[in-house]
N, C-alpha and C. Protein backbone atom coordinates (compact mmCIF):
# COMPACT_ATOMS: atom_id res chain seq x y z
N MET A 1 69.16 88.99 3.97
CA MET A 1 68.94 88.77 2.46
C MET A 1 67.94 87.81 2.31
N MET A 2 67.91 86.67 2.72
CA MET A 2 66.92 85.71 2.45
C MET A 2 65.72 85.78 3.06
N ASN A 3 65.76 86.60 4.28
CA ASN A 3 64.42 87.15 4.90
C ASN A 3 63.71 88.13 4.15
N LYS A 4 64.44 88.88 3.55
CA LYS A 4 63.84 89.98 2.57
C LYS A 4 63.08 89.44 1.39
N ILE A 5 63.71 88.29 0.65
CA ILE A 5 63.31 87.71 -0.20
C ILE A 5 62.05 86.99 0.03
N SER A 6 62.18 86.19 1.28
CA SER A 6 61.02 85.43 1.65
C SER A 6 59.94 86.33 1.95
N ARG A 7 60.00 87.45 2.44
CA ARG A 7 59.05 88.54 2.79
C ARG A 7 58.22 88.97 1.51
N ILE A 8 59.01 89.45 0.54
CA ILE A 8 58.27 89.62 -1.05
C ILE A 8 57.75 88.52 -1.51
N LEU A 9 58.25 87.19 -1.36
CA LEU A 9 57.63 85.97 -2.09
C LEU A 9 56.28 85.84 -1.27
N LYS A 10 56.13 86.15 0.11
CA LYS A 10 55.08 85.95 1.05
C LYS A 10 53.95 87.23 0.58
N ARG A 11 54.68 88.31 0.31
CA ARG A 11 53.65 89.66 -0.11
C ARG A 11 53.31 89.35 -1.41
N ILE A 12 53.84 88.66 -2.47
CA ILE A 12 53.26 88.16 -3.75
C ILE A 12 52.35 87.32 -3.63
N GLU A 13 52.66 86.16 -2.93
CA GLU A 13 51.32 85.17 -2.83
C GLU A 13 50.22 85.58 -2.14
N SER A 14 50.20 86.49 -1.11
CA SER A 14 49.05 86.90 -0.62
C SER A 14 48.22 87.72 -1.50
N ILE A 15 49.06 88.49 -2.38
CA ILE A 15 48.67 89.71 -3.44
C ILE A 15 47.63 88.53 -4.27
N PHE A 16 48.42 87.46 -4.92
CA PHE A 16 47.87 86.49 -5.80
C PHE A 16 46.60 86.07 -5.23
N GLU A 17 46.70 85.72 -3.97
CA GLU A 17 45.64 84.54 -3.14
C GLU A 17 44.24 85.67 -3.19
N LEU A 18 44.54 86.99 -2.95
CA LEU A 18 43.49 87.90 -2.72
C LEU A 18 42.95 88.42 -4.15
N LEU A 19 43.71 88.37 -5.00
CA LEU A 19 43.13 88.54 -6.58
C LEU A 19 42.25 87.20 -6.92
N ILE A 20 42.63 86.14 -6.69
CA ILE A 20 41.88 84.76 -6.84
C ILE A 20 40.63 84.88 -6.28
N TRP A 21 40.82 85.17 -5.10
CA TRP A 21 39.66 85.18 -4.02
C TRP A 21 38.58 85.96 -4.50
N ASN A 22 38.97 87.42 -5.03
CA ASN A 22 37.88 88.32 -5.48
C ASN A 22 37.46 88.12 -6.65
N PHE A 23 38.15 87.03 -7.76
CA PHE A 23 37.70 86.68 -8.73
C PHE A 23 36.21 86.06 -8.74
N ARG A 24 35.87 85.44 -7.31
CA ARG A 24 34.53 84.94 -7.46
C ARG A 24 33.29 86.01 -7.58
N LEU A 25 33.93 87.43 -7.42
CA LEU A 25 32.49 88.46 -7.66
C LEU A 25 31.96 88.28 -9.00
N PHE A 26 32.79 88.12 -10.02
CA PHE A 26 32.47 87.79 -11.30
C PHE A 26 31.06 86.89 -11.43
N ILE A 27 30.67 86.24 -10.69
CA ILE A 27 29.66 85.42 -10.55
C ILE A 27 28.49 86.49 -10.32
N LEU A 28 28.75 87.43 -9.97
CA LEU A 28 27.64 88.56 -10.00
C LEU A 28 27.05 88.77 -11.37
N VAL A 29 27.83 88.55 -12.50
CA VAL A 29 27.23 88.79 -13.63
C VAL A 29 26.31 87.71 -13.93
N PRO A 30 26.53 86.39 -13.82
CA PRO A 30 25.58 85.68 -14.35
C PRO A 30 24.25 85.69 -13.47
N VAL A 31 24.73 86.18 -11.94
CA VAL A 31 23.44 86.24 -11.17
C VAL A 31 22.40 87.28 -11.39
N ILE A 32 23.00 88.51 -11.93
CA ILE A 32 22.20 89.67 -12.13
C ILE A 32 21.19 89.35 -13.55
N PHE A 33 22.26 88.51 -14.47
CA PHE A 33 21.45 88.57 -15.61
C PHE A 33 20.28 87.21 -15.73
N SER A 34 20.73 86.38 -14.86
CA SER A 34 19.79 85.38 -14.43
C SER A 34 18.30 85.80 -13.97
N LEU A 35 18.34 86.73 -13.03
CA LEU A 35 17.58 87.48 -12.34
C LEU A 35 16.68 88.23 -13.49
N LEU A 36 17.36 89.00 -14.22
CA LEU A 36 16.82 89.74 -15.52
C LEU A 36 16.01 88.65 -16.33
N SER A 37 16.74 87.61 -16.47
CA SER A 37 16.12 86.48 -17.39
C SER A 37 14.69 85.88 -16.89
N ALA A 38 14.94 85.69 -15.46
CA ALA A 38 13.85 85.13 -14.92
C ALA A 38 12.68 86.01 -14.75
N LEU A 39 12.66 87.44 -14.59
CA LEU A 39 11.83 88.47 -14.53
C LEU A 39 11.16 88.35 -15.97
N ARG A 40 11.88 88.28 -16.92
CA ARG A 40 11.40 88.62 -18.12
C ARG A 40 10.28 87.09 -18.68
N LEU A 41 11.03 86.09 -18.32
CA LEU A 41 9.95 84.97 -18.46
C LEU A 41 8.80 84.81 -17.76
N PHE A 42 9.00 85.49 -16.42
CA PHE A 42 7.69 85.90 -15.67
C PHE A 42 6.62 86.74 -16.66
N ILE A 43 7.15 87.78 -17.14
CA ILE A 43 6.33 88.72 -17.82
C ILE A 43 5.74 87.92 -19.01
N ILE A 44 6.67 87.04 -19.63
CA ILE A 44 6.13 86.81 -20.97
C ILE A 44 4.83 85.19 -20.67
N GLY A 45 5.41 84.38 -19.54
CA GLY A 45 4.38 83.76 -19.22
C GLY A 45 3.14 84.39 -18.87
N THR A 46 2.86 85.45 -17.94
CA THR A 46 1.66 86.20 -17.45
C THR A 46 0.91 86.64 -18.84
N VAL A 47 1.82 87.14 -19.97
CA VAL A 47 1.19 87.60 -21.18
C VAL A 47 0.34 86.51 -21.97
N ASP A 48 1.48 85.42 -21.69
CA ASP A 48 0.55 84.02 -22.54
C ASP A 48 -0.56 83.58 -21.94
N ILE A 49 -0.57 83.63 -20.48
CA ILE A 49 -1.78 83.06 -19.86
C ILE A 49 -2.86 84.29 -20.07
N GLY A 50 -2.40 85.56 -19.88
CA GLY A 50 -3.42 86.61 -20.15
C GLY A 50 -4.11 86.45 -21.48
N ALA A 51 -3.47 86.09 -22.73
CA ALA A 51 -3.89 85.89 -24.02
C ALA A 51 -4.98 84.70 -24.05
N GLY A 52 -4.64 83.65 -23.34
CA GLY A 52 -5.45 82.41 -23.18
C GLY A 52 -6.63 83.02 -22.42
N LEU A 53 -6.81 83.84 -21.32
CA LEU A 53 -7.78 84.00 -20.79
C LEU A 53 -8.56 84.89 -21.43
N LEU A 54 -8.30 85.90 -22.16
CA LEU A 54 -8.93 86.80 -23.54
C LEU A 54 -9.59 86.05 -24.31
N LEU A 55 -9.44 84.73 -24.74
CA LEU A 55 -9.99 84.02 -25.69
C LEU A 55 -11.56 83.73 -25.37
N SER A 56 -12.43 83.90 -26.16
CA SER A 56 -13.60 83.55 -26.11
C SER A 56 -13.90 82.09 -26.18
N LEU A 57 -14.79 81.69 -25.22
CA LEU A 57 -15.15 80.26 -25.19
C LEU A 57 -16.08 79.89 -26.00
N ASN A 58 -16.14 78.70 -26.71
CA ASN A 58 -17.35 78.12 -27.61
C ASN A 58 -18.01 77.44 -26.86
N PHE A 59 -19.47 77.84 -26.21
CA PHE A 59 -20.25 77.10 -25.52
C PHE A 59 -20.76 75.71 -26.00
N LYS A 60 -21.05 76.06 -27.38
CA LYS A 60 -21.50 74.77 -28.17
C LYS A 60 -20.86 73.76 -28.07
N ASN A 61 -19.58 74.01 -28.14
CA ASN A 61 -18.50 72.85 -28.51
C ASN A 61 -17.23 73.24 -27.29
N PRO A 62 -17.69 72.92 -25.97
CA PRO A 62 -16.71 73.25 -25.07
C PRO A 62 -15.28 72.53 -25.10
N GLU A 63 -15.30 71.36 -25.91
CA GLU A 63 -13.90 70.59 -25.84
C GLU A 63 -13.61 70.85 -27.35
N GLY A 64 -13.79 71.75 -28.05
CA GLY A 64 -13.42 72.19 -29.33
C GLY A 64 -12.16 72.84 -29.48
N GLU A 65 -11.67 73.26 -30.63
CA GLU A 65 -10.59 73.94 -31.04
C GLU A 65 -10.34 75.39 -30.35
N ALA A 66 -11.29 75.88 -29.83
CA ALA A 66 -10.89 77.12 -28.92
C ALA A 66 -10.55 76.84 -27.58
N THR A 67 -11.14 75.62 -27.02
CA THR A 67 -10.64 75.38 -25.72
C THR A 67 -9.18 74.55 -25.55
N VAL A 68 -9.06 73.91 -26.80
CA VAL A 68 -7.64 73.61 -26.76
C VAL A 68 -6.39 74.78 -26.94
N LYS A 69 -7.04 76.03 -27.62
CA LYS A 69 -5.92 77.00 -27.75
C LYS A 69 -5.83 77.66 -26.30
N ILE A 70 -6.94 77.69 -25.42
CA ILE A 70 -6.85 78.31 -24.33
C ILE A 70 -5.98 77.76 -23.13
N VAL A 71 -6.22 76.36 -23.18
CA VAL A 71 -5.77 75.61 -22.46
C VAL A 71 -3.89 75.69 -23.13
N ALA A 72 -3.65 75.36 -24.39
CA ALA A 72 -2.20 75.70 -24.84
C ALA A 72 -1.47 76.97 -24.23
N TYR A 73 -2.27 77.98 -24.31
CA TYR A 73 -1.56 79.40 -23.85
C TYR A 73 -1.34 79.21 -22.57
N ILE A 74 -2.37 78.46 -21.58
CA ILE A 74 -2.30 78.75 -20.28
C ILE A 74 -0.99 77.79 -19.64
N ILE A 75 -0.87 76.51 -20.26
CA ILE A 75 0.28 75.60 -20.23
C ILE A 75 1.38 76.19 -20.75
N GLY A 76 1.35 76.79 -21.92
CA GLY A 76 2.73 77.63 -22.15
C GLY A 76 3.05 78.58 -21.11
N GLY A 77 2.19 79.37 -20.73
CA GLY A 77 2.62 80.51 -19.53
C GLY A 77 3.39 80.10 -18.32
N ILE A 78 2.65 78.48 -17.87
CA ILE A 78 3.23 77.84 -16.66
C ILE A 78 4.69 77.49 -17.14
N ASP A 79 4.95 76.71 -18.58
CA ASP A 79 6.15 76.53 -18.71
C ASP A 79 6.99 77.66 -18.55
N TYR A 80 6.67 78.69 -19.05
CA TYR A 80 7.95 80.00 -18.81
C TYR A 80 8.08 80.29 -17.48
N TYR A 81 7.01 80.20 -16.65
CA TYR A 81 7.01 80.51 -15.47
C TYR A 81 8.48 79.49 -14.50
N LEU A 82 8.19 78.15 -14.93
CA LEU A 82 8.92 77.19 -14.56
C LEU A 82 10.43 77.30 -15.08
N ILE A 83 10.44 77.82 -16.10
CA ILE A 83 12.06 78.34 -16.63
C ILE A 83 12.38 79.42 -15.74
N GLY A 84 11.56 80.32 -15.64
CA GLY A 84 12.00 81.43 -14.65
C GLY A 84 12.36 81.02 -13.15
N ILE A 85 11.65 79.98 -12.69
CA ILE A 85 12.08 79.53 -11.57
C ILE A 85 13.51 78.84 -11.30
N VAL A 86 13.58 78.07 -12.58
CA VAL A 86 15.13 77.45 -12.74
C VAL A 86 15.95 78.62 -12.65
N LEU A 87 15.93 79.81 -13.24
CA LEU A 87 16.96 80.42 -13.26
C LEU A 87 16.88 81.54 -11.76
N LEU A 88 15.52 81.28 -11.31
CA LEU A 88 15.77 82.35 -9.96
C LEU A 88 16.65 81.42 -8.97
N ILE A 89 16.15 79.96 -8.90
CA ILE A 89 17.00 79.02 -8.16
C ILE A 89 18.59 79.12 -8.37
N PHE A 90 18.83 79.24 -9.82
CA PHE A 90 20.20 79.16 -10.22
C PHE A 90 20.96 80.59 -9.55
N ALA A 91 20.20 81.50 -9.73
CA ALA A 91 20.73 82.79 -9.17
C ALA A 91 20.99 82.97 -7.86
N LEU A 92 20.10 82.28 -7.16
CA LEU A 92 20.05 82.39 -5.49
C LEU A 92 21.33 81.26 -5.13
N GLY A 93 21.33 80.40 -5.81
CA GLY A 93 22.30 79.10 -5.39
C GLY A 93 23.34 79.65 -5.73
N ILE A 94 24.23 79.98 -6.69
CA ILE A 94 25.50 80.53 -7.29
C ILE A 94 25.77 81.47 -6.09
N TYR A 95 24.76 82.30 -6.02
CA TYR A 95 25.53 83.76 -5.18
C TYR A 95 25.48 83.58 -3.78
N GLU A 96 24.67 82.28 -3.04
CA GLU A 96 25.05 81.91 -1.57
C GLU A 96 26.21 80.83 -1.73
N LEU A 97 26.71 80.27 -2.69
CA LEU A 97 27.79 79.10 -2.84
C LEU A 97 29.04 80.02 -2.99
N PHE A 98 29.02 81.01 -3.71
CA PHE A 98 30.29 81.73 -4.05
C PHE A 98 30.35 83.19 -3.51
N ILE A 99 29.44 83.97 -3.17
CA ILE A 99 29.51 85.23 -2.73
C ILE A 99 29.08 85.46 -0.92
N SER A 100 27.90 84.94 -0.78
CA SER A 100 27.47 85.25 0.63
C SER A 100 26.22 84.72 0.95
N GLU A 101 26.15 84.13 2.09
CA GLU A 101 24.52 83.67 2.36
C GLU A 101 23.50 84.75 2.58
N ILE A 102 22.16 84.68 2.04
CA ILE A 102 21.41 85.53 2.34
C ILE A 102 20.86 85.80 3.66
N SER A 103 21.25 86.73 4.50
CA SER A 103 20.92 86.66 5.65
C SER A 103 19.46 87.05 6.08
N ILE A 104 18.63 87.66 5.08
CA ILE A 104 17.02 88.08 5.59
C ILE A 104 16.44 86.74 5.08
N ARG A 105 16.65 85.83 4.59
CA ARG A 105 15.85 84.69 4.34
C ARG A 105 15.58 83.96 5.48
N ASP A 106 14.33 83.34 5.50
CA ASP A 106 13.64 82.64 6.66
C ASP A 106 14.44 81.46 6.87
N GLU A 107 14.89 81.34 8.14
CA GLU A 107 15.73 79.93 8.28
C GLU A 107 14.78 78.61 8.42
N ASN A 108 13.56 79.07 8.49
CA ASN A 108 12.80 77.73 8.41
C ASN A 108 12.23 77.34 6.98
N ASN A 109 12.47 78.36 6.17
CA ASN A 109 12.13 78.08 4.61
C ASN A 109 13.45 77.50 4.02
N SER A 110 13.34 76.01 3.58
CA SER A 110 14.49 75.23 3.20
C SER A 110 14.55 75.21 1.61
N ILE A 111 13.34 75.99 1.02
CA ILE A 111 13.16 75.44 -0.50
C ILE A 111 14.47 76.16 -1.15
N LEU A 112 14.90 77.42 -0.81
CA LEU A 112 15.90 78.32 -1.65
C LEU A 112 17.36 77.96 -0.78
N GLU A 113 17.22 77.23 0.26
CA GLU A 113 18.39 76.90 0.90
C GLU A 113 19.50 75.91 0.07
N ILE A 114 20.62 76.45 -0.03
CA ILE A 114 21.43 75.63 -0.78
C ILE A 114 23.03 75.80 -0.27
N ASN A 115 23.36 74.60 -0.08
CA ASN A 115 24.74 74.63 0.54
C ASN A 115 25.84 73.99 -0.20
N THR A 116 25.62 73.08 -1.07
CA THR A 116 26.33 72.74 -2.05
C THR A 116 25.89 72.77 -3.56
N LEU A 117 27.02 72.27 -4.33
CA LEU A 117 26.50 72.38 -6.06
C LEU A 117 25.70 71.26 -6.28
N GLU A 118 25.70 70.27 -5.23
CA GLU A 118 25.10 68.87 -5.68
C GLU A 118 23.67 69.29 -5.21
N GLU A 119 23.44 69.96 -4.20
CA GLU A 119 21.97 70.46 -4.12
C GLU A 119 21.51 71.37 -4.93
N LEU A 120 22.38 72.42 -5.43
CA LEU A 120 21.86 73.42 -6.30
C LEU A 120 21.31 72.34 -7.71
N LYS A 121 22.14 71.53 -7.90
CA LYS A 121 21.79 70.98 -9.39
C LYS A 121 20.58 69.76 -8.83
N SER A 122 20.61 69.41 -7.89
CA SER A 122 19.32 68.58 -7.62
C SER A 122 18.02 69.36 -7.71
N LYS A 123 18.24 70.48 -7.11
CA LYS A 123 16.88 71.34 -7.37
C LYS A 123 16.65 71.78 -8.88
N LEU A 124 17.71 72.01 -9.39
CA LEU A 124 17.47 72.60 -10.78
C LEU A 124 16.90 71.32 -11.88
N VAL A 125 17.63 70.29 -11.49
CA VAL A 125 16.94 68.85 -12.32
C VAL A 125 15.21 68.92 -12.21
N ASN A 126 15.08 68.83 -10.80
CA ASN A 126 13.47 68.75 -10.25
C ASN A 126 12.76 69.56 -11.20
N VAL A 127 13.06 70.79 -11.11
CA VAL A 127 12.46 71.85 -11.78
C VAL A 127 12.27 71.82 -13.25
N ILE A 128 13.34 71.26 -13.86
CA ILE A 128 13.73 71.28 -15.26
C ILE A 128 12.67 70.13 -15.69
N VAL A 129 12.70 69.03 -15.09
CA VAL A 129 12.08 67.77 -15.38
C VAL A 129 10.63 68.18 -15.33
N VAL A 130 10.04 68.57 -14.42
CA VAL A 130 8.73 69.46 -14.35
C VAL A 130 8.41 70.16 -15.52
N ALA A 131 9.36 71.15 -15.97
CA ALA A 131 9.07 71.92 -17.20
C ALA A 131 8.90 71.41 -18.12
N LEU A 132 9.80 69.88 -18.55
CA LEU A 132 9.55 69.34 -19.51
C LEU A 132 8.42 68.53 -19.68
N ILE A 133 7.89 68.12 -18.60
CA ILE A 133 6.50 67.44 -18.43
C ILE A 133 5.53 68.37 -19.05
N VAL A 134 5.41 69.39 -18.61
CA VAL A 134 4.70 70.69 -18.81
C VAL A 134 4.51 71.05 -20.41
N SER A 135 5.97 71.13 -21.11
CA SER A 135 6.23 71.30 -22.33
C SER A 135 5.58 70.17 -23.26
N LEU A 136 5.64 69.02 -22.69
CA LEU A 136 5.51 67.84 -23.52
C LEU A 136 3.95 67.83 -23.69
N PHE A 137 3.09 68.11 -22.24
CA PHE A 137 1.74 68.23 -22.48
C PHE A 137 1.30 69.04 -23.51
N LYS A 138 1.80 70.52 -23.48
CA LYS A 138 1.41 71.25 -24.49
C LYS A 138 1.73 71.00 -26.12
N ARG A 139 2.79 70.31 -26.19
CA ARG A 139 2.87 69.62 -27.62
C ARG A 139 1.93 68.67 -27.76
N MET A 140 1.56 67.84 -27.00
CA MET A 140 0.56 67.03 -27.00
C MET A 140 -0.93 67.52 -27.34
N LEU A 141 -1.06 68.58 -27.07
CA LEU A 141 -2.51 69.25 -27.15
C LEU A 141 -2.59 69.62 -28.87
N ASN A 142 -1.04 69.75 -29.36
CA ASN A 142 -1.45 70.45 -30.79
C ASN A 142 -1.13 69.20 -31.85
N LEU A 143 -0.96 67.89 -31.19
CA LEU A 143 -0.47 66.92 -31.87
C LEU A 143 -1.62 66.16 -32.90
N ASP A 144 -1.16 66.03 -34.05
CA ASP A 144 -2.31 65.61 -35.01
C ASP A 144 -1.83 63.80 -35.03
N LEU A 145 -2.42 63.17 -34.28
CA LEU A 145 -2.19 61.67 -34.29
C LEU A 145 -2.65 60.96 -35.46
N GLN A 146 -1.90 60.45 -36.33
CA GLN A 146 -2.31 59.97 -37.74
C GLN A 146 -1.84 58.49 -37.80
N GLN A 147 -1.04 57.97 -37.10
CA GLN A 147 -0.46 56.56 -36.96
C GLN A 147 -0.47 56.02 -35.67
N VAL A 148 -0.77 54.75 -35.59
CA VAL A 148 -0.66 53.97 -34.25
C VAL A 148 0.66 54.18 -33.63
N SER A 149 1.82 54.59 -34.35
CA SER A 149 3.01 54.57 -33.61
C SER A 149 3.30 55.97 -33.01
N ASP A 150 2.49 56.93 -33.61
CA ASP A 150 2.64 58.34 -32.79
C ASP A 150 2.07 58.02 -31.44
N VAL A 151 0.81 57.31 -31.34
CA VAL A 151 0.58 57.07 -30.01
C VAL A 151 1.66 56.11 -29.13
N VAL A 152 2.24 55.30 -29.63
CA VAL A 152 3.50 54.58 -28.86
C VAL A 152 4.36 55.33 -28.44
N TYR A 153 4.96 56.25 -29.47
CA TYR A 153 5.95 57.49 -29.15
C TYR A 153 5.50 58.31 -27.90
N ILE A 154 4.05 58.57 -27.81
CA ILE A 154 3.80 59.80 -26.96
C ILE A 154 3.98 58.53 -25.35
N ALA A 155 3.46 57.71 -25.41
CA ALA A 155 3.33 56.71 -24.33
C ALA A 155 4.90 56.60 -23.61
N LEU A 156 5.52 56.35 -24.81
CA LEU A 156 6.93 56.02 -24.33
C LEU A 156 7.35 57.19 -23.48
N ALA A 157 7.30 58.35 -24.07
CA ALA A 157 7.69 59.63 -23.49
C ALA A 157 7.11 59.85 -22.31
N ILE A 158 5.97 59.60 -22.17
CA ILE A 158 5.23 59.53 -20.70
C ILE A 158 6.06 58.71 -19.64
N LEU A 159 6.18 57.71 -20.23
CA LEU A 159 6.81 56.46 -19.38
C LEU A 159 8.16 56.91 -18.89
N LEU A 160 8.88 57.42 -19.90
CA LEU A 160 10.47 57.90 -19.36
C LEU A 160 10.55 59.18 -18.62
N ILE A 161 9.37 59.73 -18.66
CA ILE A 161 9.66 60.97 -17.69
C ILE A 161 9.12 60.41 -16.52
N SER A 162 8.01 59.67 -16.59
CA SER A 162 7.78 59.31 -15.25
C SER A 162 8.61 58.44 -14.44
N ILE A 163 9.27 57.69 -15.14
CA ILE A 163 10.43 56.94 -14.48
C ILE A 163 11.74 58.06 -13.92
N SER A 164 11.82 58.97 -14.83
CA SER A 164 12.90 59.73 -14.51
C SER A 164 12.48 60.55 -13.23
N GLN A 165 11.16 60.97 -12.94
CA GLN A 165 10.60 61.75 -11.83
C GLN A 165 10.71 60.77 -10.67
N TYR A 166 10.29 59.53 -10.82
CA TYR A 166 10.59 58.43 -9.58
C TYR A 166 11.88 58.43 -9.14
N LEU A 167 12.77 58.38 -9.77
CA LEU A 167 14.15 58.23 -9.63
C LEU A 167 14.53 59.60 -8.84
N LEU A 168 14.12 60.60 -9.57
CA LEU A 168 14.58 61.91 -8.65
C LEU A 168 13.97 62.24 -7.43
N ASN A 169 12.59 61.55 -7.08
CA ASN A 169 11.97 61.48 -5.77
C ASN A 169 12.88 60.34 -4.81
N LEU A 170 13.23 59.38 -5.41
CA LEU A 170 13.87 58.49 -4.96
C LEU A 170 15.14 59.00 -4.14
N ASN A 171 15.97 59.67 -4.83
CA ASN A 171 17.12 60.29 -4.71
C ASN A 171 16.80 61.33 -3.54
N TYR A 172 15.71 62.28 -3.63
CA TYR A 172 15.34 63.01 -2.70
C TYR A 172 15.21 63.06 -1.30
N HIS A 173 14.41 61.89 -1.48
CA HIS A 173 13.87 61.03 0.11
C HIS A 173 14.83 60.02 0.56
N SER A 174 16.07 60.08 0.10
CA SER A 174 17.31 59.09 0.60
C SER A 174 17.45 59.44 1.86
N PRO A 175 17.72 58.39 2.84
CA PRO A 175 18.04 58.97 4.22
C PRO A 175 19.43 59.72 4.39
N SER A 176 20.43 59.32 3.61
CA SER A 176 21.38 60.03 3.54
C SER A 176 21.73 61.21 3.61
N LYS A 177 20.74 61.74 2.46
CA LYS A 177 20.74 62.94 1.99
C LYS A 177 20.11 63.81 3.10
N HIS A 178 19.07 63.20 3.75
CA HIS A 178 18.26 64.18 4.66
C HIS A 178 19.12 64.19 5.77
N ASN A 179 20.04 63.11 6.18
CA ASN A 179 20.84 63.56 7.47
C ASN A 179 21.69 64.50 7.01
N ARG A 180 22.42 64.50 5.93
CA ARG A 180 23.62 65.40 5.57
C ARG A 180 22.89 66.91 5.48
N THR A 181 21.72 66.92 5.00
CA THR A 181 21.04 68.32 5.13
C THR A 181 20.65 68.78 6.70
N ASP A 182 20.18 67.94 7.30
CA ASP A 182 19.91 67.95 8.57
C ASP A 182 21.17 68.63 9.57
N GLU A 183 22.24 67.96 9.32
CA GLU A 183 23.41 68.07 10.28
C GLU A 183 23.73 69.65 9.53
N LYS A 184 23.79 69.95 8.41
CA LYS A 184 24.41 71.26 7.90
C LYS A 184 22.99 72.45 8.41
N SER A 185 21.96 72.27 8.46
CA SER A 185 20.93 73.08 8.77
C SER A 185 21.27 73.26 10.42
N ASN A 186 21.48 72.03 11.15
CA ASN A 186 21.93 72.32 12.78
C ASN A 186 23.23 73.02 13.05
N THR A 187 24.04 72.95 12.00
CA THR A 187 25.27 73.67 12.30
C THR A 187 25.04 75.37 11.92
N LYS A 188 24.37 75.05 11.07
CA LYS A 188 23.96 76.93 10.65
C LYS A 188 23.07 77.34 11.84
N ARG A 189 22.37 76.75 12.50
CA ARG A 189 21.42 77.16 13.51
C ARG A 189 22.38 77.39 14.74
N ALA A 190 23.21 76.57 14.92
CA ALA A 190 24.19 76.61 15.87
C ALA A 190 25.01 77.89 16.05
N LYS A 191 25.76 77.98 14.78
CA LYS A 191 26.63 79.35 14.50
C LYS A 191 25.60 80.63 14.56
N ASN A 192 24.48 80.62 14.06
CA ASN A 192 23.73 81.93 14.15
C ASN A 192 23.19 82.11 15.65
N SER A 193 23.08 81.17 16.63
CA SER A 193 22.62 81.38 17.83
C SER A 193 23.84 81.72 18.71
N ALA A 194 25.09 81.27 18.42
CA ALA A 194 26.32 81.31 18.83
C ALA A 194 26.51 82.81 18.81
N GLY A 195 26.46 83.73 17.55
CA GLY A 195 26.58 84.76 17.20
C GLY A 195 25.97 85.86 18.10
N ALA A 196 24.44 85.31 18.08
CA ALA A 196 23.49 86.39 18.57
C ALA A 196 23.58 86.25 20.18
N THR A 197 24.21 85.22 20.76
CA THR A 197 24.56 85.02 22.03
C THR A 197 25.75 86.09 22.21
N GLY A 198 26.62 85.93 21.48
CA GLY A 198 27.94 86.90 21.37
C GLY A 198 27.78 88.53 21.66
N LYS A 199 26.79 88.79 20.71
CA LYS A 199 26.38 90.06 20.59
C LYS A 199 25.64 90.38 21.75
N VAL A 200 24.72 89.62 22.39
CA VAL A 200 24.23 90.16 23.75
C VAL A 200 25.17 90.33 24.75
N GLU A 201 26.03 89.40 24.86
CA GLU A 201 26.92 89.49 25.75
C GLU A 201 27.86 90.75 25.67
N LYS A 202 28.11 91.15 24.46
CA LYS A 202 28.94 92.17 24.01
C LYS A 202 28.17 93.57 24.77
N LYS A 203 26.90 93.50 24.36
CA LYS A 203 25.78 94.59 25.01
C LYS A 203 25.74 94.87 26.39
N ILE A 204 25.65 93.66 27.07
CA ILE A 204 25.65 93.51 28.60
C ILE A 204 27.20 94.00 29.14
């Protein structure tokens, strides 16, 4: 009787664990919508840059209002591209973390290689900071400076962004982080080579 109850409980446990494990497949929903959003932002950015390129230049006043509008459109398009890149990195990152590794990716290209949530967060923050810098630059083009305090606020904003970028680079180039990344990459390559050797041996 006890053995039968134990088997039933074991079966319920395995079913429940299978259900929990397969729940990770719901990650495909944000992956798909992030990719679609990234595509939409790439299109918006392209339209924005195209609109800037179609504006006519004022050769009599090359630094006038027309040039500022062109630069604003182009910078705005780049900003949309950067936000799209954030969504693309997010989609690929959570897919690799929760679903499966992307096998067709080039092993020598580590730009989109994400092994932990910490790496995903670090890459997202880096791109988001660059997007904020570009967005601030776009705002500054259309900013009407009327007081000395406005210039001080802009200088402080640039200073804070520069400090944050410096701290991010400092964190990125830290030796411990590079050692962990190298160890993970070496482990992955060892697993791949072992799998390939096993396949060749089977064929032989």
